[in-house]
Amino acid sequence: MPHILVLNGPNLGRLGVREPDVYGALTLVDLDNSCQRWATDRATVEVRQTDNEAEMIGWLHEAVDRQADVVLNPAAFTHYSYAIRDAAAMVTKGGLRLIEVHISNPYAREEFRHLSVVGPVATGTIAGFGFNSYRLAISAILDS
């Protein structure tokens, strides 16, 4: 059975209380429950969140070692972390899929959010659909 790591970057542990007008009222626990439901019996899904760049890099290395596809919301790391970009590239160059997701649409927000250093090495990017961005990413992995 395929394994999917759903990795979330900084401040996403505060979902539900952080800018609910942008990110909604649902929590990280709600996201985990939703991801489990969306994968049903077709894959195992592990949802994680970190505010630590080094930990995120380690998880991407783990994905390569475990041959796990990745749904990645790099959050603020999206815009500047070349270290995460390089680790994400290892995932896709290893023949695995890495879907970059965002709850909000970065292009409809502040200009500094318009740049993604991860997007160019991702299999694809899904943004602006709230938690449904994750559902679409899981579906893309399972149905391709």
C-alpha atoms as a PDB file:
ATOM      1  CA  MET A   1       0.000   0.000   0.000  1.00  0.00           C
ATOM      2  CA  PRO A   2       1.438   3.414  -0.920  1.00  0.00           C
ATOM      3  CA  HIS A   3       2.521   5.774   1.841  1.00  0.00           C
ATOM      4  CA  ILE A   4       2.005   9.545   1.634  1.00  0.00           C
ATOM      5  CA  LEU A   5       3.705  12.033   3.919  1.00  0.00           C
ATOM      6  CA  VAL A   6       1.678  15.232   4.345  1.00  0.00           C
ATOM      7  CA  LEU A   7       4.231  17.754   5.578  1.00  0.00           C
ATOM      8  CA  ASN A   8       3.340  21.196   6.890  1.00  0.00           C
ATOM      9  CA  GLY A   9       5.672  24.076   7.628  1.00  0.00           C
ATOM     10  CA  PRO A  10       5.808  26.934  10.101  1.00  0.00           C
ATOM     11  CA  ASN A  11       2.746  28.305  11.870  1.00  0.00           C
ATOM     12  CA  LEU A  12       0.414  25.669  10.435  1.00  0.00           C
ATOM     13  CA  GLY A  13       0.204  24.118  13.887  1.00  0.00           C
ATOM     14  CA  ARG A  14      -1.849  27.238  14.684  1.00  0.00           C
ATOM     15  CA  LEU A  15      -4.552  26.468  12.124  1.00  0.00           C
ATOM     16  CA  GLY A  16      -7.959  27.368  13.496  1.00  0.00           C
ATOM     17  CA  VAL A  17      -6.667  30.359  15.458  1.00  0.00           C
ATOM     18  CA  ARG A  18      -4.196  31.964  13.054  1.00  0.00           C
ATOM     19  CA  GLU A  19      -5.882  34.347  10.610  1.00  0.00           C
ATOM     20  CA  PRO A  20      -9.121  32.363  10.239  1.00  0.00           C
ATOM     21  CA  ASP A  21     -10.186  34.803   7.507  1.00  0.00           C
ATOM     22  CA  VAL A  22      -7.264  33.482   5.423  1.00  0.00           C
ATOM     23  CA  TYR A  23      -6.806  29.888   6.642  1.00  0.00           C
ATOM     24  CA  GLY A  24     -10.272  28.998   7.938  1.00  0.00           C
ATOM     25  CA  ALA A  25     -11.456  27.730  11.307  1.00  0.00           C
ATOM     26  CA  LEU A  26     -10.345  24.094  10.966  1.00  0.00           C
ATOM     27  CA  THR A  27      -7.340  22.817  12.920  1.00  0.00           C
ATOM     28  CA  LEU A  28      -4.337  20.630  12.128  1.00  0.00           C
ATOM     29  CA  VAL A  29      -6.190  17.740  13.808  1.00  0.00           C
ATOM     30  CA  ASP A  30      -9.100  18.372  11.428  1.00  0.00           C
ATOM     31  CA  LEU A  31      -6.639  18.298   8.514  1.00  0.00           C
ATOM     32  CA  ASP A  32      -5.192  14.999   9.724  1.00  0.00           C
ATOM     33  CA  ASN A  33      -8.674  13.462  10.041  1.00  0.00           C
ATOM     34  CA  SER A  34      -9.628  14.716   6.572  1.00  0.00           C
ATOM     35  CA  CYS A  35      -6.450  13.361   4.966  1.00  0.00           C
ATOM     36  CA  GLN A  36      -7.060   9.939   6.520  1.00  0.00           C
ATOM     37  CA  ARG A  37     -10.617   9.954   5.155  1.00  0.00           C
ATOM     38  CA  TRP A  38      -9.543  11.076   1.674  1.00  0.00           C
ATOM     39  CA  ALA A  39      -6.951   8.305   1.403  1.00  0.00           C
ATOM     40  CA  THR A  40      -9.541   5.745   2.595  1.00  0.00           C
ATOM     41  CA  ASP A  41      -8.058   2.290   2.169  1.00  0.00           C
ATOM     42  CA  ARG A  42      -5.896   3.201  -0.823  1.00  0.00           C
ATOM     43  CA  ALA A  43      -2.859   4.569   1.050  1.00  0.00           C
ATOM     44  CA  THR A  44      -1.501   5.226   4.486  1.00  0.00           C
ATOM     45  CA  VAL A  45      -1.177   8.923   5.249  1.00  0.00           C
ATOM     46  CA  GLU A  46       0.983  10.551   7.883  1.00  0.00           C
ATOM     47  CA  VAL A  47       0.339  14.235   8.639  1.00  0.00           C
ATOM     48  CA  ARG A  48       3.162  16.191  10.287  1.00  0.00           C
ATOM     49  CA  GLN A  49       3.868  19.831  11.105  1.00  0.00           C
ATOM     50  CA  THR A  50       7.058  21.616  12.097  1.00  0.00           C
ATOM     51  CA  ASP A  51       8.300  25.132  12.612  1.00  0.00           C
ATOM     52  CA  ASN A  52      11.863  23.840  12.196  1.00  0.00           C
ATOM     53  CA  GLU A  53      13.548  23.947   8.790  1.00  0.00           C
ATOM     54  CA  ALA A  54      16.048  21.197   9.628  1.00  0.00           C
ATOM     55  CA  GLU A  55      13.265  18.863  10.741  1.00  0.00           C
ATOM     56  CA  MET A  56      11.390  19.452   7.467  1.00  0.00           C
ATOM     57  CA  ILE A  57      14.547  18.651   5.488  1.00  0.00           C
ATOM     58  CA  GLY A  58      14.947  15.432   7.484  1.00  0.00           C
ATOM     59  CA  TRP A  59      11.365  14.441   6.687  1.00  0.00           C
ATOM     60  CA  LEU A  60      11.961  14.989   2.972  1.00  0.00           C
ATOM     61  CA  HIS A  61      15.065  12.801   3.176  1.00  0.00           C
ATOM     62  CA  GLU A  62      12.952  10.204   4.983  1.00  0.00           C
ATOM     63  CA  ALA A  63      10.420  10.303   2.116  1.00  0.00           C
ATOM     64  CA  VAL A  64      13.186   9.402  -0.326  1.00  0.00           C
ATOM     65  CA  ASP A  65      14.467   6.609   1.907  1.00  0.00           C
ATOM     66  CA  ARG A  66      10.949   5.195   2.499  1.00  0.00           C
ATOM     67  CA  GLN A  67       9.866   5.744  -1.118  1.00  0.00           C
ATOM     68  CA  ALA A  68       6.902   7.835   0.058  1.00  0.00           C
ATOM     69  CA  ASP A  69       5.144  10.440  -2.043  1.00  0.00           C
ATOM     70  CA  VAL A  70       4.789  13.861  -0.437  1.00  0.00           C
ATOM     71  CA  VAL A  71       2.118  16.509  -0.091  1.00  0.00           C
ATOM     72  CA  LEU A  72       4.089  19.549   1.061  1.00  0.00           C
ATOM     73  CA  ASN A  73       2.797  22.835   2.409  1.00  0.00           C
ATOM     74  CA  PRO A  74       6.105  24.595   3.000  1.00  0.00           C
ATOM     75  CA  ALA A  75       4.283  27.690   4.362  1.00  0.00           C
ATOM     76  CA  ALA A  76       6.777  30.540   4.836  1.00  0.00           C
ATOM     77  CA  PHE A  77       9.649  28.259   3.750  1.00  0.00           C
ATOM     78  CA  THR A  78       8.074  28.428   0.263  1.00  0.00           C
ATOM     79  CA  HIS A  79       9.582  31.797  -0.466  1.00  0.00           C
ATOM     80  CA  TYR A  80      13.189  31.489   0.630  1.00  0.00           C
ATOM     81  CA  SER A  81      14.337  28.035   1.761  1.00  0.00           C
ATOM     82  CA  TYR A  82      16.725  26.736  -0.851  1.00  0.00           C
ATOM     83  CA  ALA A  83      17.634  23.938   1.561  1.00  0.00           C
ATOM     84  CA  ILE A  84      14.023  22.687   1.512  1.00  0.00           C
ATOM     85  CA  ARG A  85      13.929  23.218  -2.246  1.00  0.00           C
ATOM     86  CA  ASP A  86      17.001  21.002  -2.654  1.00  0.00           C
ATOM     87  CA  ALA A  87      15.537  18.305  -0.376  1.00  0.00           C
ATOM     88  CA  ALA A  88      12.239  18.463  -2.318  1.00  0.00           C
ATOM     89  CA  ALA A  89      14.200  18.017  -5.553  1.00  0.00           C
ATOM     90  CA  MET A  90      15.652  14.797  -4.153  1.00  0.00           C
ATOM     91  CA  VAL A  91      12.100  13.491  -3.778  1.00  0.00           C
ATOM     92  CA  THR A  92      11.093  14.167  -7.375  1.00  0.00           C
ATOM     93  CA  LYS A  93      14.448  13.218  -8.875  1.00  0.00           C
ATOM     94  CA  GLY A  94      14.070   9.923  -7.005  1.00  0.00           C
ATOM     95  CA  GLY A  95      10.968   9.161  -9.060  1.00  0.00           C
ATOM     96  CA  LEU A  96       8.499  10.081  -6.342  1.00  0.00           C
ATOM     97  CA  ARG A  97       5.765  12.689  -6.494  1.00  0.00           C
ATOM     98  CA  LEU A  98       5.823  15.868  -4.448  1.00  0.00           C
ATOM     99  CA  ILE A  99       2.771  18.103  -4.657  1.00  0.00           C
ATOM    100  CA  GLU A 100       3.207  21.624  -3.269  1.00  0.00           C
ATOM    101  CA  VAL A 101      -0.013  22.813  -1.621  1.00  0.00           C
ATOM    102  CA  HIS A 102      -1.225  26.051  -0.097  1.00  0.00           C
ATOM    103  CA  ILE A 103      -4.455  26.687   1.754  1.00  0.00           C
ATOM    104  CA  SER A 104      -4.668  30.250   0.453  1.00  0.00           C
ATOM    105  CA  ASN A 105      -3.696  31.539  -2.976  1.00  0.00           C
ATOM    106  CA  PRO A 106      -0.235  33.094  -2.549  1.00  0.00           C
ATOM    107  CA  TYR A 107      -0.681  35.107  -5.760  1.00  0.00           C
ATOM    108  CA  ALA A 108      -3.726  36.867  -4.313  1.00  0.00           C
ATOM    109  CA  ARG A 109      -1.735  37.980  -1.260  1.00  0.00           C
ATOM    110  CA  GLU A 110       1.301  40.155  -0.561  1.00  0.00           C
ATOM    111  CA  GLU A 111       3.862  40.355  -3.341  1.00  0.00           C
ATOM    112  CA  PHE A 112       6.602  38.616  -1.314  1.00  0.00           C
ATOM    113  CA  ARG A 113       4.392  35.492  -1.298  1.00  0.00           C
ATOM    114  CA  HIS A 114       4.340  35.290  -5.103  1.00  0.00           C
ATOM    115  CA  LEU A 115       7.733  33.551  -5.320  1.00  0.00           C
ATOM    116  CA  SER A 116       8.003  29.825  -4.640  1.00  0.00           C
ATOM    117  CA  VAL A 117      11.451  28.283  -4.649  1.00  0.00           C
ATOM    118  CA  VAL A 118       9.800  24.859  -4.173  1.00  0.00           C
ATOM    119  CA  GLY A 119       7.353  25.035  -7.098  1.00  0.00           C
ATOM    120  CA  PRO A 120       9.939  24.569  -9.851  1.00  0.00           C
ATOM    121  CA  VAL A 121      11.027  21.185  -8.437  1.00  0.00           C
ATOM    122  CA  ALA A 122       7.541  19.975  -7.429  1.00  0.00           C
ATOM    123  CA  THR A 123       5.502  17.564  -9.511  1.00  0.00           C
ATOM    124  CA  GLY A 124       2.692  20.119  -9.319  1.00  0.00           C
ATOM    125  CA  THR A 125       1.224  22.899  -7.207  1.00  0.00           C
ATOM    126  CA  ILE A 126      -2.324  23.264  -5.872  1.00  0.00           C
ATOM    127  CA  ALA A 127      -3.284  26.464  -4.078  1.00  0.00           C
ATOM    128  CA  GLY A 128      -6.221  28.500  -2.944  1.00  0.00           C
ATOM    129  CA  PHE A 129      -8.785  25.789  -2.211  1.00  0.00           C
ATOM    130  CA  GLY A 130      -8.485  25.653   1.569  1.00  0.00           C
ATOM    131  CA  PHE A 131      -8.147  22.113   2.914  1.00  0.00           C
ATOM    132  CA  ASN A 132      -9.413  20.894  -0.457  1.00  0.00           C
ATOM    133  CA  SER A 133      -5.942  21.710  -1.796  1.00  0.00           C
ATOM    134  CA  TYR A 134      -4.742  18.693   0.196  1.00  0.00           C
ATOM    135  CA  ARG A 135      -7.635  16.520  -1.018  1.00  0.00           C
ATOM    136  CA  LEU A 136      -6.798  17.377  -4.625  1.00  0.00           C
ATOM    137  CA  ALA A 137      -3.104  16.594  -4.020  1.00  0.00           C
ATOM    138  CA  ILE A 138      -3.855  13.224  -2.418  1.00  0.00           C
ATOM    139  CA  SER A 139      -6.204  12.439  -5.280  1.00  0.00           C
ATOM    140  CA  ALA A 140      -3.538  13.396  -7.837  1.00  0.00           C
ATOM    141  CA  ILE A 141      -1.071  11.019  -6.196  1.00  0.00           C
ATOM    142  CA  LEU A 142      -3.543   8.144  -5.883  1.00  0.00           C
ATOM    143  CA  ASP A 143      -5.093   8.516  -9.331  1.00  0.00           C
ATOM    144  CA  SER A 144      -1.924   8.932 -11.405  1.00  0.00           C
END
